Amino acid sequence: MDFKEVVNAIITGELDEHLDTIKHQIRTREKNLAGDLFHRLKVGDKVRFNSLTRPKSHIGTEGVIVKKNRTKVVVKVQHESDPFPREWNTPPSLLEMVG
């Protein structure tokens, strides 16, 4: 079954009895990907806030990692609506590498 067939099967209800398992597997995969990114990120790396970021006005904001904590990273940002640099403590799932 290719991607389009899977999506169509979800849309048409063919996989309704498996939706909880599908959701669980998607969340697990997302956590694994975020963990992989966390381990690749280093202090000094340039990052951008992705489409999962809230408020939405911060999507696309770029910054530099200044610290790694146990599960989150601290990103120094200069947002267009704020003239002063700020440090945001954020989960890596909201970030993407730049360049």
PDB file of N, CA and C in Angstrom:
ATOM      1  N   MET A   1       0.858  -1.174   0.000  1.00  0.00           N
ATOM      2  CA  MET A   1       0.000   0.000   0.000  1.00  0.00           C
ATOM      3  C   MET A   1       0.902   1.235   0.000  1.00  0.00           C
ATOM      4  N   ASP A   2       0.734   2.132  -0.983  1.00  0.00           N
ATOM      5  CA  ASP A   2       1.560   3.333  -1.023  1.00  0.00           C
ATOM      6  C   ASP A   2       0.895   4.448  -0.201  1.00  0.00           C
ATOM      7  N   PHE A   3       1.565   5.573  -0.116  1.00  0.00           N
ATOM      8  CA  PHE A   3       1.117   6.685   0.722  1.00  0.00           C
ATOM      9  C   PHE A   3      -0.301   7.135   0.373  1.00  0.00           C
ATOM     10  N   LYS A   4      -0.570   7.341  -0.916  1.00  0.00           N
ATOM     11  CA  LYS A   4      -1.899   7.803  -1.328  1.00  0.00           C
ATOM     12  C   LYS A   4      -2.980   6.799  -0.957  1.00  0.00           C
ATOM     13  N   GLU A   5      -2.662   5.522  -1.050  1.00  0.00           N
ATOM     14  CA  GLU A   5      -3.636   4.487  -0.692  1.00  0.00           C
ATOM     15  C   GLU A   5      -3.919   4.506   0.812  1.00  0.00           C
ATOM     16  N   VAL A   6      -2.881   4.721   1.605  1.00  0.00           N
ATOM     17  CA  VAL A   6      -3.061   4.785   3.060  1.00  0.00           C
ATOM     18  C   VAL A   6      -3.928   5.991   3.422  1.00  0.00           C
ATOM     19  N   VAL A   7      -3.591   7.151   2.859  1.00  0.00           N
ATOM     20  CA  VAL A   7      -4.372   8.362   3.139  1.00  0.00           C
ATOM     21  C   VAL A   7      -5.825   8.163   2.716  1.00  0.00           C
ATOM     22  N   ASN A   8      -6.034   7.600   1.549  1.00  0.00           N
ATOM     23  CA  ASN A   8      -7.393   7.359   1.070  1.00  0.00           C
ATOM     24  C   ASN A   8      -8.134   6.384   1.986  1.00  0.00           C
ATOM     25  N   ALA A   9      -7.451   5.363   2.449  1.00  0.00           N
ATOM     26  CA  ALA A   9      -8.078   4.394   3.357  1.00  0.00           C
ATOM     27  C   ALA A   9      -8.480   5.058   4.671  1.00  0.00           C
ATOM     28  N   ILE A  10      -7.673   6.002   5.144  1.00  0.00           N
ATOM     29  CA  ILE A  10      -8.033   6.740   6.365  1.00  0.00           C
ATOM     30  C   ILE A  10      -9.241   7.622   6.093  1.00  0.00           C
ATOM     31  N   ILE A  11      -9.216   8.349   4.988  1.00  0.00           N
ATOM     32  CA  ILE A  11     -10.312   9.268   4.643  1.00  0.00           C
ATOM     33  C   ILE A  11     -11.634   8.527   4.469  1.00  0.00           C
ATOM     34  N   THR A  12     -11.586   7.383   3.821  1.00  0.00           N
ATOM     35  CA  THR A  12     -12.830   6.652   3.549  1.00  0.00           C
ATOM     36  C   THR A  12     -13.312   5.804   4.723  1.00  0.00           C
ATOM     37  N   GLY A  13     -12.506   5.723   5.770  1.00  0.00           N
ATOM     38  CA  GLY A  13     -12.929   4.988   6.955  1.00  0.00           C
ATOM     39  C   GLY A  13     -12.528   3.531   6.978  1.00  0.00           C
ATOM     40  N   GLU A  14     -11.771   3.094   5.985  1.00  0.00           N
ATOM     41  CA  GLU A  14     -11.356   1.690   5.935  1.00  0.00           C
ATOM     42  C   GLU A  14     -10.470   1.307   7.125  1.00  0.00           C
ATOM     43  N   LEU A  15      -9.793   2.297   7.693  1.00  0.00           N
ATOM     44  CA  LEU A  15      -8.866   2.007   8.794  1.00  0.00           C
ATOM     45  C   LEU A  15      -9.380   2.520  10.138  1.00  0.00           C
ATOM     46  N   ASP A  16     -10.662   2.790  10.239  1.00  0.00           N
ATOM     47  CA  ASP A  16     -11.223   3.349  11.474  1.00  0.00           C
ATOM     48  C   ASP A  16     -10.881   2.523  12.710  1.00  0.00           C
ATOM     49  N   GLU A  17     -10.917   1.223  12.604  1.00  0.00           N
ATOM     50  CA  GLU A  17     -10.633   0.380  13.773  1.00  0.00           C
ATOM     51  C   GLU A  17      -9.163   0.440  14.190  1.00  0.00           C
ATOM     52  N   HIS A  18      -8.330   1.027  13.345  1.00  0.00           N
ATOM     53  CA  HIS A  18      -6.890   1.108  13.631  1.00  0.00           C
ATOM     54  C   HIS A  18      -6.417   2.536  13.916  1.00  0.00           C
ATOM     55  N   LEU A  19      -7.331   3.495  13.987  1.00  0.00           N
ATOM     56  CA  LEU A  19      -6.934   4.893  14.136  1.00  0.00           C
ATOM     57  C   LEU A  19      -6.128   5.156  15.405  1.00  0.00           C
ATOM     58  N   ASP A  20      -6.517   4.543  16.524  1.00  0.00           N
ATOM     59  CA  ASP A  20      -5.758   4.758  17.767  1.00  0.00           C
ATOM     60  C   ASP A  20      -4.320   4.261  17.621  1.00  0.00           C
ATOM     61  N   THR A  21      -4.144   3.126  16.990  1.00  0.00           N
ATOM     62  CA  THR A  21      -2.796   2.584  16.775  1.00  0.00           C
ATOM     63  C   THR A  21      -2.006   3.493  15.836  1.00  0.00           C
ATOM     64  N   ILE A  22      -2.650   3.963  14.790  1.00  0.00           N
ATOM     65  CA  ILE A  22      -1.981   4.861  13.838  1.00  0.00           C
ATOM     66  C   ILE A  22      -1.544   6.143  14.548  1.00  0.00           C
ATOM     67  N   LYS A  23      -2.452   6.751  15.334  1.00  0.00           N
ATOM     68  CA  LYS A  23      -2.109   7.973  16.073  1.00  0.00           C
ATOM     69  C   LYS A  23      -0.941   7.728  17.023  1.00  0.00           C
ATOM     70  N   HIS A  24      -0.984   6.610  17.732  1.00  0.00           N
ATOM     71  CA  HIS A  24       0.096   6.283  18.675  1.00  0.00           C
ATOM     72  C   HIS A  24       1.434   6.142  17.945  1.00  0.00           C
ATOM     73  N   GLN A  25       1.430   5.461  16.821  1.00  0.00           N
ATOM     74  CA  GLN A  25       2.667   5.256  16.065  1.00  0.00           C
ATOM     75  C   GLN A  25       3.195   6.567  15.490  1.00  0.00           C
ATOM     76  N   ILE A  26       2.293   7.434  15.059  1.00  0.00           N
ATOM     77  CA  ILE A  26       2.714   8.745  14.550  1.00  0.00           C
ATOM     78  C   ILE A  26       3.360   9.557  15.673  1.00  0.00           C
ATOM     79  N   ARG A  27       2.728   9.588  16.839  1.00  0.00           N
ATOM     80  CA  ARG A  27       3.292  10.339  17.976  1.00  0.00           C
ATOM     81  C   ARG A  27       4.647   9.769  18.390  1.00  0.00           C
ATOM     82  N   THR A  28       4.757   8.457  18.404  1.00  0.00           N
ATOM     83  CA  THR A  28       6.034   7.825  18.758  1.00  0.00           C
ATOM     84  C   THR A  28       7.113   8.203  17.756  1.00  0.00           C
ATOM     85  N   ARG A  29       6.776   8.167  16.489  1.00  0.00           N
ATOM     86  CA  ARG A  29       7.741   8.525  15.450  1.00  0.00           C
ATOM     87  C   ARG A  29       8.160   9.986  15.571  1.00  0.00           C
ATOM     88  N   GLU A  30       7.203  10.879  15.828  1.00  0.00           N
ATOM     89  CA  GLU A  30       7.516  12.294  15.992  1.00  0.00           C
ATOM     90  C   GLU A  30       8.457  12.511  17.175  1.00  0.00           C
ATOM     91  N   LYS A  31       8.213  11.803  18.275  1.00  0.00           N
ATOM     92  CA  LYS A  31       9.100  11.920  19.442  1.00  0.00           C
ATOM     93  C   LYS A  31      10.496  11.424  19.113  1.00  0.00           C
ATOM     94  N   ASN A  32      10.580  10.329  18.366  1.00  0.00           N
ATOM     95  CA  ASN A  32      11.893   9.801  17.974  1.00  0.00           C
ATOM     96  C   ASN A  32      12.636  10.786  17.084  1.00  0.00           C
ATOM     97  N   LEU A  33      11.924  11.385  16.146  1.00  0.00           N
ATOM     98  CA  LEU A  33      12.553  12.370  15.264  1.00  0.00           C
ATOM     99  C   LEU A  33      13.023  13.582  16.055  1.00  0.00           C
ATOM    100  N   ALA A  34      12.202  14.042  16.999  1.00  0.00           N
ATOM    101  CA  ALA A  34      12.591  15.182  17.833  1.00  0.00           C
ATOM    102  C   ALA A  34      13.816  14.828  18.665  1.00  0.00           C
ATOM    103  N   GLY A  35      13.866  13.604  19.173  1.00  0.00           N
ATOM    104  CA  GLY A  35      15.029  13.158  19.942  1.00  0.00           C
ATOM    105  C   GLY A  35      16.274  13.110  19.089  1.00  0.00           C
ATOM    106  N   ASP A  36      16.129  12.639  17.842  1.00  0.00           N
ATOM    107  CA  ASP A  36      17.264  12.614  16.920  1.00  0.00           C
ATOM    108  C   ASP A  36      17.770  14.029  16.670  1.00  0.00           C
ATOM    109  N   LEU A  37      16.851  14.970  16.457  1.00  0.00           N
ATOM    110  CA  LEU A  37      17.240  16.355  16.229  1.00  0.00           C
ATOM    111  C   LEU A  37      17.926  16.911  17.469  1.00  0.00           C
ATOM    112  N   PHE A  38      17.373  16.626  18.643  1.00  0.00           N
ATOM    113  CA  PHE A  38      17.967  17.123  19.889  1.00  0.00           C
ATOM    114  C   PHE A  38      19.432  16.713  19.986  1.00  0.00           C
ATOM    115  N   HIS A  39      19.736  15.477  19.634  1.00  0.00           N
ATOM    116  CA  HIS A  39      21.116  14.992  19.741  1.00  0.00           C
ATOM    117  C   HIS A  39      22.025  15.605  18.675  1.00  0.00           C
ATOM    118  N   ARG A  40      21.463  16.022  17.545  1.00  0.00           N
ATOM    119  CA  ARG A  40      22.266  16.663  16.497  1.00  0.00           C
ATOM    120  C   ARG A  40      22.522  18.139  16.767  1.00  0.00           C
ATOM    121  N   LEU A  41      21.605  18.765  17.517  1.00  0.00           N
ATOM    122  CA  LEU A  41      21.748  20.197  17.787  1.00  0.00           C
ATOM    123  C   LEU A  41      22.927  20.465  18.702  1.00  0.00           C
ATOM    124  N   LYS A  42      23.640  21.553  18.395  1.00  0.00           N
ATOM    125  CA  LYS A  42      24.798  21.951  19.204  1.00  0.00           C
ATOM    126  C   LYS A  42      24.688  23.439  19.516  1.00  0.00           C
ATOM    127  N   VAL A  43      25.289  23.848  20.605  1.00  0.00           N
ATOM    128  CA  VAL A  43      25.361  25.267  20.930  1.00  0.00           C
ATOM    129  C   VAL A  43      26.046  25.974  19.766  1.00  0.00           C
ATOM    130  N   GLY A  44      25.448  27.067  19.312  1.00  0.00           N
ATOM    131  CA  GLY A  44      25.964  27.821  18.174  1.00  0.00           C
ATOM    132  C   GLY A  44      25.244  27.533  16.872  1.00  0.00           C
ATOM    133  N   ASP A  45      24.454  26.448  16.815  1.00  0.00           N
ATOM    134  CA  ASP A  45      23.702  26.126  15.599  1.00  0.00           C
ATOM    135  C   ASP A  45      22.592  27.152  15.377  1.00  0.00           C
ATOM    136  N   LYS A  46      22.386  27.500  14.108  1.00  0.00           N
ATOM    137  CA  LYS A  46      21.309  28.403  13.728  1.00  0.00           C
ATOM    138  C   LYS A  46      20.066  27.560  13.451  1.00  0.00           C
ATOM    139  N   VAL A  47      18.926  27.987  14.015  1.00  0.00           N
ATOM    140  CA  VAL A  47      17.667  27.247  13.877  1.00  0.00           C
ATOM    141  C   VAL A  47      16.539  28.206  13.512  1.00  0.00           C
ATOM    142  N   ARG A  48      15.433  27.605  13.064  1.00  0.00           N
ATOM    143  CA  ARG A  48      14.230  28.355  12.720  1.00  0.00           C
ATOM    144  C   ARG A  48      13.046  27.662  13.380  1.00  0.00           C
ATOM    145  N   PHE A  49      12.090  28.438  13.884  1.00  0.00           N
ATOM    146  CA  PHE A  49      10.885  27.874  14.478  1.00  0.00           C
ATOM    147  C   PHE A  49       9.936  27.423  13.382  1.00  0.00           C
ATOM    148  N   ASN A  50       9.440  26.190  13.495  1.00  0.00           N
ATOM    149  CA  ASN A  50       8.637  25.577  12.435  1.00  0.00           C
ATOM    150  C   ASN A  50       7.146  25.869  12.585  1.00  0.00           C
ATOM    151  N   SER A  51       6.355  25.226  11.770  1.00  0.00           N
ATOM    152  CA  SER A  51       4.915  25.488  11.700  1.00  0.00           C
ATOM    153  C   SER A  51       4.128  25.015  12.923  1.00  0.00           C
ATOM    154  N   LEU A  52       4.758  24.271  13.816  1.00  0.00           N
ATOM    155  CA  LEU A  52       4.083  23.840  15.044  1.00  0.00           C
ATOM    156  C   LEU A  52       4.153  24.906  16.136  1.00  0.00           C
ATOM    157  N   THR A  53       4.941  25.936  15.893  1.00  0.00           N
ATOM    158  CA  THR A  53       5.184  26.989  16.880  1.00  0.00           C
ATOM    159  C   THR A  53       3.945  27.832  17.118  1.00  0.00           C
ATOM    160  N   ARG A  54       3.712  28.160  18.375  1.00  0.00           N
ATOM    161  CA  ARG A  54       2.646  29.081  18.754  1.00  0.00           C
ATOM    162  C   ARG A  54       3.260  30.144  19.637  1.00  0.00           C
ATOM    163  N   PRO A  55       2.894  31.399  19.525  1.00  0.00           N
ATOM    164  CA  PRO A  55       1.929  31.918  18.574  1.00  0.00           C
ATOM    165  C   PRO A  55       2.452  31.837  17.143  1.00  0.00           C
ATOM    166  N   LYS A  56       1.520  31.818  16.216  1.00  0.00           N
ATOM    167  CA  LYS A  56       1.885  31.648  14.811  1.00  0.00           C
ATOM    168  C   LYS A  56       2.795  32.759  14.299  1.00  0.00           C
ATOM    169  N   SER A  57       2.739  33.919  14.935  1.00  0.00           N
ATOM    170  CA  SER A  57       3.586  35.034  14.499  1.00  0.00           C
ATOM    171  C   SER A  57       5.069  34.725  14.672  1.00  0.00           C
ATOM    172  N   HIS A  58       5.393  33.702  15.463  1.00  0.00           N
ATOM    173  CA  HIS A  58       6.789  33.330  15.679  1.00  0.00           C
ATOM    174  C   HIS A  58       7.297  32.274  14.699  1.00  0.00           C
ATOM    175  N   ILE A  59       6.385  31.731  13.869  1.00  0.00           N
ATOM    176  CA  ILE A  59       6.804  30.761  12.860  1.00  0.00           C
ATOM    177  C   ILE A  59       7.806  31.434  11.923  1.00  0.00           C
ATOM    178  N   GLY A  60       8.912  30.763  11.669  1.00  0.00           N
ATOM    179  CA  GLY A  60       9.938  31.300  10.788  1.00  0.00           C
ATOM    180  C   GLY A  60      10.983  32.140  11.483  1.00  0.00           C
ATOM    181  N   THR A  61      10.754  32.463  12.761  1.00  0.00           N
ATOM    182  CA  THR A  61      11.740  33.234  13.513  1.00  0.00           C
ATOM    183  C   THR A  61      13.023  32.420  13.638  1.00  0.00           C
ATOM    184  N   GLU A  62      14.137  33.057  13.371  1.00  0.00           N
ATOM    185  CA  GLU A  62      15.430  32.375  13.450  1.00  0.00           C
ATOM    186  C   GLU A  62      16.154  32.781  14.719  1.00  0.00           C
ATOM    187  N   GLY A  63      17.017  31.891  15.162  1.00  0.00           N
ATOM    188  CA  GLY A  63      17.813  32.162  16.347  1.00  0.00           C
ATOM    189  C   GLY A  63      19.012  31.241  16.401  1.00  0.00           C
ATOM    190  N   VAL A  64      19.739  31.368  17.486  1.00  0.00           N
ATOM    191  CA  VAL A  64      20.945  30.575  17.693  1.00  0.00           C
ATOM    192  C   VAL A  64      20.824  29.841  19.027  1.00  0.00           C
ATOM    193  N   ILE A  65      21.197  28.572  19.034  1.00  0.00           N
ATOM    194  CA  ILE A  65      21.163  27.789  20.266  1.00  0.00           C
ATOM    195  C   ILE A  65      22.286  28.263  21.175  1.00  0.00           C
ATOM    196  N   VAL A  66      21.894  28.644  22.398  1.00  0.00           N
ATOM    197  CA  VAL A  66      22.892  29.112  23.360  1.00  0.00           C
ATOM    198  C   VAL A  66      23.095  28.130  24.518  1.00  0.00           C
ATOM    199  N   LYS A  67      22.185  27.153  24.640  1.00  0.00           N
ATOM    200  CA  LYS A  67      22.305  26.184  25.738  1.00  0.00           C
ATOM    201  C   LYS A  67      21.443  24.971  25.438  1.00  0.00           C
ATOM    202  N   LYS A  68      21.902  23.799  25.863  1.00  0.00           N
ATOM    203  CA  LYS A  68      21.094  22.578  25.794  1.00  0.00           C
ATOM    204  C   LYS A  68      20.827  22.113  27.211  1.00  0.00           C
ATOM    205  N   ASN A  69      19.553  21.934  27.513  1.00  0.00           N
ATOM    206  CA  ASN A  69      19.157  21.373  28.804  1.00  0.00           C
ATOM    207  C   ASN A  69      18.879  19.887  28.622  1.00  0.00           C
ATOM    208  N   ARG A  70      18.251  19.276  29.599  1.00  0.00           N
ATOM    209  CA  ARG A  70      18.012  17.839  29.530  1.00  0.00           C
ATOM    210  C   ARG A  70      17.091  17.453  28.382  1.00  0.00           C
ATOM    211  N   THR A  71      16.004  18.213  28.189  1.00  0.00           N
ATOM    212  CA  THR A  71      15.051  17.867  27.128  1.00  0.00           C
ATOM    213  C   THR A  71      14.740  19.032  26.199  1.00  0.00           C
ATOM    214  N   LYS A  72      15.194  20.210  26.528  1.00  0.00           N
ATOM    215  CA  LYS A  72      14.899  21.397  25.725  1.00  0.00           C
ATOM    216  C   LYS A  72      16.187  22.130  25.398  1.00  0.00           C
ATOM    217  N   VAL A  73      16.074  23.076  24.484  1.00  0.00           N
ATOM    218  CA  VAL A  73      17.212  23.927  24.144  1.00  0.00           C
ATOM    219  C   VAL A  73      16.815  25.384  24.359  1.00  0.00           C
ATOM    220  N   VAL A  74      17.807  26.207  24.632  1.00  0.00           N
ATOM    221  CA  VAL A  74      17.579  27.635  24.789  1.00  0.00           C
ATOM    222  C   VAL A  74      18.049  28.308  23.504  1.00  0.00           C
ATOM    223  N   VAL A  75      17.131  29.052  22.878  1.00  0.00           N
ATOM    224  CA  VAL A  75      17.408  29.708  21.606  1.00  0.00           C
ATOM    225  C   VAL A  75      17.357  31.220  21.822  1.00  0.00           C
ATOM    226  N   LYS A  76      18.436  31.893  21.423  1.00  0.00           N
ATOM    227  CA  LYS A  76      18.458  33.349  21.485  1.00  0.00           C
ATOM    228  C   LYS A  76      17.875  33.860  20.178  1.00  0.00           C
ATOM    229  N   VAL A  77      16.798  34.664  20.286  1.00  0.00           N
ATOM    230  CA  VAL A  77      16.087  35.145  19.100  1.00  0.00           C
ATOM    231  C   VAL A  77      15.971  36.664  19.138  1.00  0.00           C
ATOM    232  N   GLN A  78      15.814  37.214  17.962  1.00  0.00           N
ATOM    233  CA  GLN A  78      15.498  38.635  17.808  1.00  0.00           C
ATOM    234  C   GLN A  78      14.271  38.669  16.918  1.00  0.00           C
ATOM    235  N   HIS A  79      13.098  38.738  17.539  1.00  0.00           N
ATOM    236  CA  HIS A  79      11.848  38.722  16.781  1.00  0.00           C
ATOM    237  C   HIS A  79      11.540  40.135  16.314  1.00  0.00           C
ATOM    238  N   GLU A  80      10.964  40.239  15.100  1.00  0.00           N
ATOM    239  CA  GLU A  80      10.703  41.556  14.494  1.00  0.00           C
ATOM    240  C   GLU A  80       9.818  42.445  15.356  1.00  0.00           C
ATOM    241  N   SER A  81       8.922  41.861  16.153  1.00  0.00           N
ATOM    242  CA  SER A  81       8.026  42.667  16.986  1.00  0.00           C
ATOM    243  C   SER A  81       8.665  43.056  18.314  1.00  0.00           C
ATOM    244  N   ASP A  82       9.882  42.607  18.555  1.00  0.00           N
ATOM    245  CA  ASP A  82      10.561  42.857  19.828  1.00  0.00           C
ATOM    246  C   ASP A  82      11.979  43.339  19.537  1.00  0.00           C
ATOM    247  N   PRO A  83      12.314  44.565  19.897  1.00  0.00           N
ATOM    248  CA  PRO A  83      13.633  45.098  19.562  1.00  0.00           C
ATOM    249  C   PRO A  83      14.781  44.492  20.373  1.00  0.00           C
ATOM    250  N   PHE A  84      14.468  43.761  21.427  1.00  0.00           N
ATOM    251  CA  PHE A  84      15.511  43.213  22.276  1.00  0.00           C
ATOM    252  C   PHE A  84      15.619  41.701  22.107  1.00  0.00           C
ATOM    253  N   PRO A  85      16.839  41.175  22.040  1.00  0.00           N
ATOM    254  CA  PRO A  85      16.996  39.710  21.942  1.00  0.00           C
ATOM    255  C   PRO A  85      16.427  39.029  23.190  1.00  0.00           C
ATOM    256  N   ARG A  86      15.830  37.894  22.972  1.00  0.00           N
ATOM    257  CA  ARG A  86      15.260  37.089  24.072  1.00  0.00           C
ATOM    258  C   ARG A  86      15.806  35.679  23.974  1.00  0.00           C
ATOM    259  N   GLU A  87      15.760  34.981  25.073  1.00  0.00           N
ATOM    260  CA  GLU A  87      16.127  33.559  25.079  1.00  0.00           C
ATOM    261  C   GLU A  87      14.869  32.760  25.358  1.00  0.00           C
ATOM    262  N   TRP A  88      14.547  31.850  24.426  1.00  0.00           N
ATOM    263  CA  TRP A  88      13.357  31.017  24.557  1.00  0.00           C
ATOM    264  C   TRP A  88      13.787  29.588  24.843  1.00  0.00           C
ATOM    265  N   ASN A  89      13.237  29.015  25.919  1.00  0.00           N
ATOM    266  CA  ASN A  89      13.466  27.617  26.281  1.00  0.00           C
ATOM    267  C   ASN A  89      12.401  26.802  25.555  1.00  0.00           C
ATOM    268  N   THR A  90      12.814  25.961  24.623  1.00  0.00           N
ATOM    269  CA  THR A  90      11.838  25.326  23.741  1.00  0.00           C
ATOM    270  C   THR A  90      12.173  23.864  23.462  1.00  0.00           C
ATOM    271  N   PRO A  91      11.157  23.043  23.211  1.00  0.00           N
ATOM    272  CA  PRO A  91      11.418  21.668  22.807  1.00  0.00           C
ATOM    273  C   PRO A  91      11.961  21.650  21.378  1.00  0.00           C
ATOM    274  N   PRO A  92      12.832  20.698  21.055  1.00  0.00           N
ATOM    275  CA  PRO A  92      13.402  20.635  19.715  1.00  0.00           C
ATOM    276  C   PRO A  92      12.370  20.341  18.626  1.00  0.00           C
ATOM    277  N   SER A  93      11.207  19.835  19.001  1.00  0.00           N
ATOM    278  CA  SER A  93      10.183  19.527  17.996  1.00  0.00           C
ATOM    279  C   SER A  93       9.650  20.785  17.313  1.00  0.00           C
ATOM    280  N   LEU A  94       9.924  21.961  17.877  1.00  0.00           N
ATOM    281  CA  LEU A  94       9.469  23.220  17.278  1.00  0.00           C
ATOM    282  C   LEU A  94      10.537  23.846  16.393  1.00  0.00           C
ATOM    283  N   LEU A  95      11.667  23.161  16.220  1.00  0.00           N
ATOM    284  CA  LEU A  95      12.802  23.747  15.508  1.00  0.00           C
ATOM    285  C   LEU A  95      13.152  22.980  14.254  1.00  0.00           C
ATOM    286  N   GLU A  96      13.787  23.695  13.337  1.00  0.00           N
ATOM    287  CA  GLU A  96      14.428  23.052  12.181  1.00  0.00           C
ATOM    288  C   GLU A  96      15.777  23.732  11.997  1.00  0.00           C
ATOM    289  N   MET A  97      16.727  22.978  11.513  1.00  0.00           N
ATOM    290  CA  MET A  97      18.075  23.507  11.298  1.00  0.00           C
ATOM    291  C   MET A  97      18.050  24.469  10.112  1.00  0.00           C
ATOM    292  N   VAL A  98      18.870  25.503  10.180  1.00  0.00           N
ATOM    293  CA  VAL A  98      19.024  26.453   9.090  1.00  0.00           C
ATOM    294  C   VAL A  98      20.399  26.245   8.472  1.00  0.00           C
ATOM    295  N   GLY A  99      20.409  26.154   7.159  1.00  0.00           N
ATOM    296  CA  GLY A  99      21.676  26.019   6.429  1.00  0.00           C
ATOM    297  C   GLY A  99      22.351  24.772   6.706  1.00  0.00           C
TER     298      GLY A  99
END
